[in-house]
Amino acid sequence: MDFRDAVEDMNATAKDDVSMVFSYLQLRKSIGLLGCALPFVLALGAIAFFQTGLQSSISSYYHTGMQDVFVGILCVIGLFLLSYKGYERKDAVAGNIASICAVGTALFPTATDEAVWGATAQFPRIHLVFATLFF
């Protein structure tokens, strides 16, 4: 390997590093954008497409036509957080916990005002624990 090959290898490595940093920053921005957009997307979608109006909480949109959007966005946020490692070990641990809690919040629905839960009476409590830890 001569000097020119070595320089080309270094340039290729530098381009790969820049690409990875860009991807990492895009991941962080995507997580933030989804989190900030969630309440607006749910509220506007419920009003525009299902005429259900504003709900008492974000979690209440689970019981509207926006259920799939609510679950989908929380699961995507959970997957993004799982792949986000942060700068220190504590960042990675916090991201993994938040990931589990985001998916748990999506999969265990909150109670409705009229709902009689029966066999699933624990779901609202589990939802509250996951949502509290997630946010």
Foldseek 3Di string as FASTA:
>chain_A
DDPVVVVVVVVVVVVVVVVVVVVLVVLVVVLVVLVVCQVVCLQVCCCPPVVPHDDPDSLVSCPGPCVVVQLVSLQVSLVSLCPRCDDDNVSNVLSNLLSVLSNLLSPQGADDPPDDQVPSVCSNVSNVVSVVSND
